[in-house]
Amino acid sequence: VHVYVPPKHSGVQGSSKRREPAPGFTRGLASMLRYQTEVLQRVQVVLDMDKKDPAKEETVKELRKDINNWVAAYRREDKVSGRPSFGVTYSILNALAGHFNSFGPTAPIPKKRLERINK
């Protein structure tokens, strides 16, 4: 499985040059669904971790990278971004990333947010 890691911003403002994905990466629906499944499995691992687990902070850090990569890879792809599965997953990942950005990796996830994520 190839995971798309977007190149670092070149610092050139207004550049219209489209960056190419990593070799072997495809942006099709099947690729998105595989990557989506991987990221959601990582989400479940984080949700199952005890907040006092010493590895939680690093695991959340890696999950945040995965979330950013998934969003960057697929949000502008018309083939997949209009699909309900993309929207639902995006909503889940956005809620989780926002929680970790605001409250840190070890803060408990509120019950309402957790219910929304687990739907």
N, C-alpha and C. Protein backbone atom coordinates (compact mmCIF):
# COMPACT_ATOMS: atom_id res chain seq x y z
N VAL A 1 0.85 -1.17 0.00
CA VAL A 1 0.00 0.00 0.00
C VAL A 1 0.89 1.23 0.00
N HIS A 2 0.62 2.11 -0.91
CA HIS A 2 1.38 3.34 -0.99
C HIS A 2 0.62 4.44 -0.28
N VAL A 3 1.29 5.16 0.55
CA VAL A 3 0.67 6.25 1.28
C VAL A 3 1.21 7.55 0.72
N TYR A 4 0.32 8.44 0.37
CA TYR A 4 0.71 9.73 -0.18
C TYR A 4 1.14 10.65 0.93
N VAL A 5 2.35 11.15 0.82
CA VAL A 5 2.85 12.15 1.76
C VAL A 5 3.09 13.40 0.93
N PRO A 6 2.28 14.43 1.17
CA PRO A 6 2.42 15.63 0.35
C PRO A 6 3.79 16.27 0.52
N PRO A 7 4.33 16.82 -0.56
CA PRO A 7 5.63 17.48 -0.45
C PRO A 7 5.50 18.73 0.40
N LYS A 8 6.62 19.14 0.99
CA LYS A 8 6.61 20.36 1.80
C LYS A 8 6.35 21.56 0.90
N HIS A 9 5.69 22.55 1.48
CA HIS A 9 5.37 23.77 0.75
C HIS A 9 6.66 24.45 0.30
N SER A 10 6.71 24.80 -0.96
CA SER A 10 7.93 25.39 -1.51
C SER A 10 8.12 26.84 -1.10
N GLY A 11 7.08 27.44 -0.56
CA GLY A 11 7.19 28.83 -0.15
C GLY A 11 6.86 29.80 -1.28
N VAL A 12 6.56 29.29 -2.46
CA VAL A 12 6.23 30.13 -3.59
C VAL A 12 4.73 30.41 -3.55
N GLN A 13 4.37 31.65 -3.38
CA GLN A 13 2.97 32.04 -3.31
C GLN A 13 2.39 32.06 -4.71
N GLY A 14 1.15 31.59 -4.84
CA GLY A 14 0.45 31.67 -6.10
C GLY A 14 0.92 30.71 -7.15
N SER A 15 1.72 29.76 -6.82
CA SER A 15 2.20 28.80 -7.81
C SER A 15 1.05 27.93 -8.26
N SER A 16 0.84 27.84 -9.56
CA SER A 16 -0.25 27.02 -10.08
C SER A 16 0.23 25.63 -10.49
N LYS A 17 1.50 25.36 -10.31
CA LYS A 17 2.04 24.06 -10.68
C LYS A 17 1.47 22.99 -9.75
N ARG A 18 0.85 21.97 -10.33
CA ARG A 18 0.26 20.90 -9.54
C ARG A 18 1.35 19.91 -9.15
N ARG A 19 1.42 19.59 -7.87
CA ARG A 19 2.43 18.64 -7.41
C ARG A 19 1.94 17.24 -7.68
N GLU A 20 2.86 16.40 -8.08
CA GLU A 20 2.53 15.01 -8.36
C GLU A 20 2.65 14.17 -7.09
N PRO A 21 1.77 13.17 -6.94
CA PRO A 21 1.86 12.30 -5.78
C PRO A 21 3.08 11.39 -5.85
N ALA A 22 3.34 10.72 -4.76
CA ALA A 22 4.46 9.79 -4.69
C ALA A 22 4.31 8.72 -5.77
N PRO A 23 5.41 8.18 -6.28
CA PRO A 23 5.35 7.14 -7.30
C PRO A 23 4.52 5.94 -6.83
N GLY A 24 3.68 5.45 -7.71
CA GLY A 24 2.86 4.29 -7.38
C GLY A 24 1.58 4.64 -6.66
N PHE A 25 1.36 5.90 -6.34
CA PHE A 25 0.16 6.32 -5.62
C PHE A 25 -0.96 6.58 -6.62
N THR A 26 -2.13 6.09 -6.32
CA THR A 26 -3.28 6.39 -7.16
C THR A 26 -4.33 7.06 -6.31
N ARG A 27 -5.06 7.96 -6.90
CA ARG A 27 -6.06 8.73 -6.17
C ARG A 27 -7.47 8.21 -6.41
N GLY A 28 -7.60 7.03 -6.89
CA GLY A 28 -8.91 6.50 -7.19
C GLY A 28 -9.67 6.09 -5.94
N LEU A 29 -10.91 5.68 -6.18
CA LEU A 29 -11.80 5.30 -5.09
C LEU A 29 -11.25 4.13 -4.28
N ALA A 30 -10.75 3.11 -4.96
CA ALA A 30 -10.23 1.93 -4.24
C ALA A 30 -9.07 2.32 -3.33
N SER A 31 -8.19 3.19 -3.82
CA SER A 31 -7.06 3.65 -3.03
C SER A 31 -7.54 4.43 -1.81
N MET A 32 -8.52 5.32 -2.03
CA MET A 32 -9.05 6.12 -0.93
C MET A 32 -9.68 5.23 0.13
N LEU A 33 -10.43 4.22 -0.30
CA LEU A 33 -11.09 3.34 0.65
C LEU A 33 -10.09 2.53 1.47
N ARG A 34 -9.01 2.06 0.82
CA ARG A 34 -7.97 1.33 1.56
C ARG A 34 -7.31 2.24 2.60
N TYR A 35 -6.92 3.42 2.17
CA TYR A 35 -6.25 4.37 3.05
C TYR A 35 -7.20 4.81 4.17
N GLN A 36 -8.45 5.03 3.82
CA GLN A 36 -9.47 5.42 4.80
C GLN A 36 -9.61 4.34 5.87
N THR A 37 -9.64 3.08 5.46
CA THR A 37 -9.74 1.97 6.41
C THR A 37 -8.54 1.95 7.34
N GLU A 38 -7.35 2.15 6.79
CA GLU A 38 -6.13 2.17 7.62
C GLU A 38 -6.19 3.29 8.66
N VAL A 39 -6.58 4.48 8.23
CA VAL A 39 -6.62 5.62 9.16
C VAL A 39 -7.68 5.38 10.23
N LEU A 40 -8.84 4.86 9.84
CA LEU A 40 -9.90 4.60 10.83
C LEU A 40 -9.50 3.50 11.81
N GLN A 41 -8.71 2.54 11.36
CA GLN A 41 -8.20 1.52 12.29
C GLN A 41 -7.25 2.16 13.30
N ARG A 42 -6.44 3.11 12.84
CA ARG A 42 -5.53 3.83 13.76
C ARG A 42 -6.32 4.68 14.74
N VAL A 43 -7.43 5.26 14.27
CA VAL A 43 -8.31 6.02 15.16
C VAL A 43 -8.81 5.11 16.27
N GLN A 44 -9.24 3.92 15.91
CA GLN A 44 -9.77 2.99 16.91
C GLN A 44 -8.69 2.60 17.92
N VAL A 45 -7.46 2.43 17.46
CA VAL A 45 -6.36 2.11 18.37
C VAL A 45 -6.20 3.24 19.39
N VAL A 46 -6.24 4.48 18.92
CA VAL A 46 -6.09 5.63 19.82
C VAL A 46 -7.26 5.70 20.79
N LEU A 47 -8.47 5.47 20.30
CA LEU A 47 -9.65 5.52 21.17
C LEU A 47 -9.62 4.44 22.24
N ASP A 48 -9.01 3.31 21.92
CA ASP A 48 -8.94 2.19 22.86
C ASP A 48 -7.81 2.34 23.89
N MET A 49 -6.90 3.29 23.66
CA MET A 49 -5.77 3.46 24.57
C MET A 49 -6.20 4.14 25.86
N ASP A 50 -5.59 3.74 26.95
CA ASP A 50 -5.80 4.40 28.24
C ASP A 50 -5.11 5.75 28.20
N LYS A 51 -5.73 6.78 28.80
CA LYS A 51 -5.13 8.11 28.73
C LYS A 51 -3.78 8.19 29.45
N LYS A 52 -3.51 7.24 30.32
CA LYS A 52 -2.23 7.23 31.04
C LYS A 52 -1.17 6.38 30.34
N ASP A 53 -1.54 5.79 29.21
CA ASP A 53 -0.58 4.97 28.45
C ASP A 53 0.57 5.87 28.00
N PRO A 54 1.82 5.50 28.31
CA PRO A 54 2.95 6.35 27.94
C PRO A 54 3.13 6.51 26.43
N ALA A 55 2.57 5.60 25.65
CA ALA A 55 2.72 5.67 24.19
C ALA A 55 1.61 6.50 23.54
N LYS A 56 0.64 6.95 24.31
CA LYS A 56 -0.51 7.63 23.71
C LYS A 56 -0.11 8.93 23.01
N GLU A 57 0.73 9.71 23.63
CA GLU A 57 1.11 10.98 23.02
C GLU A 57 1.75 10.79 21.65
N GLU A 58 2.67 9.85 21.55
CA GLU A 58 3.33 9.58 20.26
C GLU A 58 2.35 8.97 19.26
N THR A 59 1.46 8.11 19.72
CA THR A 59 0.48 7.49 18.84
C THR A 59 -0.47 8.54 18.28
N VAL A 60 -0.90 9.48 19.11
CA VAL A 60 -1.77 10.56 18.66
C VAL A 60 -1.03 11.45 17.67
N LYS A 61 0.22 11.71 17.93
CA LYS A 61 1.03 12.53 17.02
C LYS A 61 1.07 11.89 15.63
N GLU A 62 1.30 10.58 15.59
CA GLU A 62 1.32 9.86 14.31
C GLU A 62 -0.06 9.85 13.65
N LEU A 63 -1.10 9.70 14.46
CA LEU A 63 -2.46 9.73 13.91
C LEU A 63 -2.76 11.09 13.30
N ARG A 64 -2.35 12.14 13.94
CA ARG A 64 -2.59 13.49 13.39
C ARG A 64 -1.90 13.64 12.03
N LYS A 65 -0.70 13.08 11.90
CA LYS A 65 -0.02 13.11 10.60
C LYS A 65 -0.82 12.32 9.56
N ASP A 66 -1.31 11.14 9.97
CA ASP A 66 -2.11 10.32 9.07
C ASP A 66 -3.38 11.05 8.63
N ILE A 67 -4.02 11.72 9.57
CA ILE A 67 -5.24 12.47 9.25
C ILE A 67 -4.91 13.57 8.24
N ASN A 68 -3.87 14.33 8.51
CA ASN A 68 -3.49 15.42 7.59
C ASN A 68 -3.15 14.88 6.20
N ASN A 69 -2.44 13.77 6.14
CA ASN A 69 -2.08 13.17 4.85
C ASN A 69 -3.31 12.68 4.10
N TRP A 70 -4.24 12.05 4.81
CA TRP A 70 -5.46 11.54 4.17
C TRP A 70 -6.27 12.69 3.60
N VAL A 71 -6.46 13.73 4.40
CA VAL A 71 -7.23 14.88 3.93
C VAL A 71 -6.55 15.54 2.75
N ALA A 72 -5.25 15.75 2.84
CA ALA A 72 -4.51 16.40 1.75
C ALA A 72 -4.56 15.58 0.47
N ALA A 73 -4.57 14.28 0.60
CA ALA A 73 -4.55 13.42 -0.58
C ALA A 73 -5.88 13.38 -1.30
N TYR A 74 -6.99 13.52 -0.58
CA TYR A 74 -8.28 13.25 -1.21
C TYR A 74 -9.28 14.39 -1.23
N ARG A 75 -9.10 15.45 -0.49
CA ARG A 75 -10.15 16.47 -0.42
C ARG A 75 -10.38 17.20 -1.73
N ARG A 76 -9.39 17.25 -2.59
CA ARG A 76 -9.56 17.96 -3.86
C ARG A 76 -9.82 17.03 -5.04
N GLU A 77 -10.00 15.76 -4.74
CA GLU A 77 -10.26 14.79 -5.80
C GLU A 77 -11.76 14.60 -5.97
N ASP A 78 -12.29 15.12 -7.08
CA ASP A 78 -13.73 15.06 -7.31
C ASP A 78 -14.28 13.64 -7.32
N LYS A 79 -13.45 12.69 -7.76
CA LYS A 79 -13.90 11.29 -7.83
C LYS A 79 -14.29 10.74 -6.47
N VAL A 80 -13.64 11.22 -5.43
CA VAL A 80 -13.88 10.66 -4.10
C VAL A 80 -14.45 11.66 -3.10
N SER A 81 -14.14 12.94 -3.25
CA SER A 81 -14.53 13.90 -2.21
C SER A 81 -16.03 14.14 -2.15
N GLY A 82 -16.75 13.83 -3.20
CA GLY A 82 -18.20 14.00 -3.19
C GLY A 82 -18.96 12.80 -2.64
N ARG A 83 -18.27 11.75 -2.35
CA ARG A 83 -18.92 10.53 -1.86
C ARG A 83 -19.29 10.67 -0.39
N PRO A 84 -20.43 10.10 0.00
CA PRO A 84 -20.84 10.15 1.41
C PRO A 84 -19.79 9.56 2.35
N SER A 85 -19.11 8.49 1.94
CA SER A 85 -18.12 7.88 2.82
C SER A 85 -16.96 8.84 3.08
N PHE A 86 -16.62 9.66 2.10
CA PHE A 86 -15.57 10.66 2.31
C PHE A 86 -16.04 11.70 3.32
N GLY A 87 -17.26 12.20 3.14
CA GLY A 87 -17.78 13.23 4.03
C GLY A 87 -17.89 12.77 5.47
N VAL A 88 -18.35 11.56 5.67
CA VAL A 88 -18.49 11.01 7.02
C VAL A 88 -17.11 10.85 7.65
N THR A 89 -16.18 10.28 6.90
CA THR A 89 -14.83 10.08 7.43
C THR A 89 -14.16 11.41 7.71
N TYR A 90 -14.32 12.36 6.80
CA TYR A 90 -13.73 13.68 6.99
C TYR A 90 -14.26 14.32 8.28
N SER A 91 -15.55 14.20 8.51
CA SER A 91 -16.16 14.77 9.71
C SER A 91 -15.58 14.14 10.97
N ILE A 92 -15.44 12.82 10.97
CA ILE A 92 -14.86 12.11 12.11
C ILE A 92 -13.43 12.56 12.36
N LEU A 93 -12.63 12.55 11.31
CA LEU A 93 -11.22 12.89 11.45
C LEU A 93 -11.04 14.35 11.86
N ASN A 94 -11.89 15.22 11.32
CA ASN A 94 -11.81 16.64 11.68
C ASN A 94 -12.16 16.85 13.15
N ALA A 95 -13.19 16.17 13.63
CA ALA A 95 -13.57 16.30 15.04
C ALA A 95 -12.45 15.81 15.95
N LEU A 96 -11.86 14.69 15.58
CA LEU A 96 -10.79 14.12 16.39
C LEU A 96 -9.53 15.00 16.37
N ALA A 97 -9.15 15.46 15.19
CA ALA A 97 -7.98 16.33 15.07
C ALA A 97 -8.21 17.63 15.83
N GLY A 98 -9.40 18.19 15.74
CA GLY A 98 -9.72 19.42 16.46
C GLY A 98 -9.63 19.23 17.96
N HIS A 99 -10.12 18.07 18.43
CA HIS A 99 -10.06 17.78 19.86
C HIS A 99 -8.60 17.72 20.33
N PHE A 100 -7.78 16.99 19.61
CA PHE A 100 -6.37 16.86 20.01
C PHE A 100 -5.63 18.19 19.90
N ASN A 101 -5.96 18.99 18.88
CA ASN A 101 -5.32 20.31 18.75
C ASN A 101 -5.68 21.23 19.91
N SER A 102 -6.94 21.17 20.32
CA SER A 102 -7.41 22.07 21.37
C SER A 102 -7.05 21.62 22.78
N PHE A 103 -7.15 20.30 23.02
CA PHE A 103 -7.05 19.81 24.39
C PHE A 103 -5.84 18.92 24.67
N GLY A 104 -5.09 18.58 23.63
CA GLY A 104 -3.91 17.74 23.82
C GLY A 104 -4.22 16.27 23.64
N PRO A 105 -3.19 15.46 23.50
CA PRO A 105 -3.36 14.04 23.15
C PRO A 105 -3.89 13.17 24.28
N THR A 106 -3.78 13.62 25.51
CA THR A 106 -4.22 12.75 26.60
C THR A 106 -5.57 13.16 27.20
N ALA A 107 -6.13 14.27 26.73
CA ALA A 107 -7.42 14.72 27.25
C ALA A 107 -8.51 13.74 26.84
N PRO A 108 -9.40 13.40 27.77
CA PRO A 108 -10.48 12.48 27.43
C PRO A 108 -11.41 13.12 26.39
N ILE A 109 -11.94 12.29 25.52
CA ILE A 109 -12.86 12.76 24.50
C ILE A 109 -14.25 12.79 25.12
N PRO A 110 -14.95 13.93 25.03
CA PRO A 110 -16.28 14.03 25.62
C PRO A 110 -17.24 12.99 25.04
N LYS A 111 -18.18 12.57 25.85
CA LYS A 111 -19.11 11.50 25.48
C LYS A 111 -19.84 11.78 24.17
N LYS A 112 -20.34 13.01 23.98
CA LYS A 112 -21.07 13.35 22.75
C LYS A 112 -20.17 13.21 21.52
N ARG A 113 -18.95 13.71 21.63
CA ARG A 113 -18.02 13.63 20.51
C ARG A 113 -17.65 12.18 20.23
N LEU A 114 -17.45 11.41 21.27
CA LEU A 114 -17.11 10.00 21.12
C LEU A 114 -18.25 9.24 20.46
N GLU A 115 -19.49 9.55 20.84
CA GLU A 115 -20.65 8.91 20.20
C GLU A 115 -20.69 9.23 18.70
N ARG A 116 -20.41 10.49 18.37
CA ARG A 116 -20.40 10.89 16.96
C ARG A 116 -19.31 10.16 16.19
N ILE A 117 -18.15 10.01 16.80
CA ILE A 117 -17.03 9.32 16.15
C ILE A 117 -17.34 7.83 15.97
N ASN A 118 -17.99 7.24 16.94
CA ASN A 118 -18.26 5.80 16.90
C ASN A 118 -19.46 5.40 16.04
N LYS A 119 -20.19 6.37 15.50
CA LYS A 119 -21.38 6.04 14.68
C LYS A 119 -21.02 5.23 13.47
